Amino acid sequence: MRYDSVCKRNDVGIVPYFEEVPNVGFKIERAEFVNKTFRFNIKLIREVETLCHQKGISMNRFVDIALRYVLEHLDDEDEREQEANN
């Protein structure tokens, strides 16, 4: 059994207590994240911030999308460079 902390009102006020939660047979997968620090040219950052604002996405989401795109298309770019050199 798993126990979740929840709040309950009593004579003293609102206090946490633990409630037994049955196992319902499925597990919610949680993504793992790590913090990294990068240095970018200020001009580039201003362009990205403007784009993020226009598109309504966070800077983190933009970087995630951009990095995934690059990783997925990196081999394609290498192949094009090899073809151009032949």
C-alpha atoms as a PDB file:
ATOM      1  CA  MET A   1       0.000   0.000   0.000  1.00  0.00           C
ATOM      2  CA  ARG A   2       1.014   3.569  -0.637  1.00  0.00           C
ATOM      3  CA  TYR A   3       0.268   6.469   1.677  1.00  0.00           C
ATOM      4  CA  ASP A   4      -0.388  10.009   0.465  1.00  0.00           C
ATOM      5  CA  SER A   5      -0.218  13.082   2.638  1.00  0.00           C
ATOM      6  CA  VAL A   6      -3.366  15.186   2.469  1.00  0.00           C
ATOM      7  CA  CYS A   7      -4.760  18.010   4.563  1.00  0.00           C
ATOM      8  CA  LYS A   8      -7.715  17.653   6.883  1.00  0.00           C
ATOM      9  CA  ARG A   9      -9.484  20.253   8.980  1.00  0.00           C
ATOM     10  CA  ASN A  10      -9.808  19.547  12.705  1.00  0.00           C
ATOM     11  CA  ASP A  11     -10.336  21.615  15.881  1.00  0.00           C
ATOM     12  CA  VAL A  12      -6.818  23.048  15.647  1.00  0.00           C
ATOM     13  CA  GLY A  13      -7.044  24.037  11.980  1.00  0.00           C
ATOM     14  CA  ILE A  14      -5.808  22.403   8.805  1.00  0.00           C
ATOM     15  CA  VAL A  15      -3.247  19.692   9.498  1.00  0.00           C
ATOM     16  CA  PRO A  16      -1.688  17.045   7.269  1.00  0.00           C
ATOM     17  CA  TYR A  17      -2.606  13.415   7.747  1.00  0.00           C
ATOM     18  CA  PHE A  18      -1.815  10.274   5.810  1.00  0.00           C
ATOM     19  CA  GLU A  19      -4.476   8.442   3.879  1.00  0.00           C
ATOM     20  CA  GLU A  20      -4.121   4.917   2.581  1.00  0.00           C
ATOM     21  CA  VAL A  21      -4.315   4.845  -1.221  1.00  0.00           C
ATOM     22  CA  PRO A  22      -5.022   1.503  -2.904  1.00  0.00           C
ATOM     23  CA  ASN A  23      -2.834   0.285  -5.750  1.00  0.00           C
ATOM     24  CA  VAL A  24      -4.942   0.847  -8.884  1.00  0.00           C
ATOM     25  CA  GLY A  25      -2.786  -1.230 -11.217  1.00  0.00           C
ATOM     26  CA  PHE A  26      -1.083   1.443 -13.301  1.00  0.00           C
ATOM     27  CA  LYS A  27       1.928   3.650 -12.879  1.00  0.00           C
ATOM     28  CA  ILE A  28       2.300   7.227 -14.079  1.00  0.00           C
ATOM     29  CA  GLU A  29       5.684   7.676 -15.714  1.00  0.00           C
ATOM     30  CA  ARG A  30       7.454  10.862 -14.728  1.00  0.00           C
ATOM     31  CA  ALA A  31      10.054  12.464 -16.948  1.00  0.00           C
ATOM     32  CA  GLU A  32      13.451  13.059 -15.433  1.00  0.00           C
ATOM     33  CA  PHE A  33      15.113  16.428 -15.854  1.00  0.00           C
ATOM     34  CA  VAL A  34      18.542  17.831 -15.171  1.00  0.00           C
ATOM     35  CA  ASN A  35      19.622  21.465 -14.882  1.00  0.00           C
ATOM     36  CA  LYS A  36      22.451  22.646 -17.137  1.00  0.00           C
ATOM     37  CA  THR A  37      24.010  26.056 -17.630  1.00  0.00           C
ATOM     38  CA  PHE A  38      24.883  27.250 -21.130  1.00  0.00           C
ATOM     39  CA  ARG A  39      26.342  30.508 -22.410  1.00  0.00           C
ATOM     40  CA  PHE A  40      24.698  32.015 -25.479  1.00  0.00           C
ATOM     41  CA  ASN A  41      25.275  35.164 -27.451  1.00  0.00           C
ATOM     42  CA  ILE A  42      22.911  37.871 -26.165  1.00  0.00           C
ATOM     43  CA  LYS A  43      21.660  38.639 -29.686  1.00  0.00           C
ATOM     44  CA  LEU A  44      20.691  34.994 -30.181  1.00  0.00           C
ATOM     45  CA  ILE A  45      18.912  34.880 -26.820  1.00  0.00           C
ATOM     46  CA  ARG A  46      16.907  38.011 -27.645  1.00  0.00           C
ATOM     47  CA  GLU A  47      15.798  36.458 -30.942  1.00  0.00           C
ATOM     48  CA  VAL A  48      14.806  33.220 -29.198  1.00  0.00           C
ATOM     49  CA  GLU A  49      12.958  35.084 -26.422  1.00  0.00           C
ATOM     50  CA  THR A  50      10.999  37.040 -29.034  1.00  0.00           C
ATOM     51  CA  LEU A  51      10.122  33.853 -30.905  1.00  0.00           C
ATOM     52  CA  CYS A  52       9.111  32.065 -27.695  1.00  0.00           C
ATOM     53  CA  HIS A  53       6.862  34.968 -26.746  1.00  0.00           C
ATOM     54  CA  GLN A  54       5.244  34.989 -30.200  1.00  0.00           C
ATOM     55  CA  LYS A  55       4.693  31.223 -30.145  1.00  0.00           C
ATOM     56  CA  GLY A  56       3.589  31.125 -26.505  1.00  0.00           C
ATOM     57  CA  ILE A  57       6.196  28.583 -25.420  1.00  0.00           C
ATOM     58  CA  SER A  58       8.840  28.647 -22.717  1.00  0.00           C
ATOM     59  CA  MET A  59      12.540  28.962 -23.414  1.00  0.00           C
ATOM     60  CA  ASN A  60      13.008  25.458 -21.968  1.00  0.00           C
ATOM     61  CA  ARG A  61      10.434  24.040 -24.367  1.00  0.00           C
ATOM     62  CA  PHE A  62      12.082  25.814 -27.314  1.00  0.00           C
ATOM     63  CA  VAL A  63      15.520  24.443 -26.420  1.00  0.00           C
ATOM     64  CA  ASP A  64      14.040  20.958 -26.015  1.00  0.00           C
ATOM     65  CA  ILE A  65      12.373  21.157 -29.459  1.00  0.00           C
ATOM     66  CA  ALA A  66      15.496  22.598 -31.116  1.00  0.00           C
ATOM     67  CA  LEU A  67      17.851  20.013 -29.642  1.00  0.00           C
ATOM     68  CA  ARG A  68      15.560  17.123 -30.554  1.00  0.00           C
ATOM     69  CA  TYR A  69      15.295  18.446 -34.121  1.00  0.00           C
ATOM     70  CA  VAL A  70      19.073  18.712 -34.446  1.00  0.00           C
ATOM     71  CA  LEU A  71      19.630  15.226 -33.048  1.00  0.00           C
ATOM     72  CA  GLU A  72      17.047  13.717 -35.414  1.00  0.00           C
ATOM     73  CA  HIS A  73      18.462  15.493 -38.481  1.00  0.00           C
ATOM     74  CA  LEU A  74      22.175  15.400 -37.726  1.00  0.00           C
ATOM     75  CA  ASP A  75      22.762  12.235 -39.777  1.00  0.00           C
ATOM     76  CA  ASP A  76      20.871  13.745 -42.727  1.00  0.00           C
ATOM     77  CA  GLU A  77      23.161  16.782 -42.679  1.00  0.00           C
ATOM     78  CA  ASP A  78      26.274  14.583 -42.534  1.00  0.00           C
ATOM     79  CA  GLU A  79      25.040  12.628 -45.582  1.00  0.00           C
ATOM     80  CA  ARG A  80      24.404  15.851 -47.535  1.00  0.00           C
ATOM     81  CA  GLU A  81      27.895  17.111 -46.735  1.00  0.00           C
ATOM     82  CA  GLN A  82      29.439  13.826 -47.887  1.00  0.00           C
ATOM     83  CA  GLU A  83      27.447  13.929 -51.141  1.00  0.00           C
ATOM     84  CA  ALA A  84      28.525  17.525 -51.762  1.00  0.00           C
ATOM     85  CA  ASN A  85      32.196  16.586 -51.265  1.00  0.00           C
ATOM     86  CA  ASN A  86      32.029  13.673 -53.739  1.00  0.00           C
END
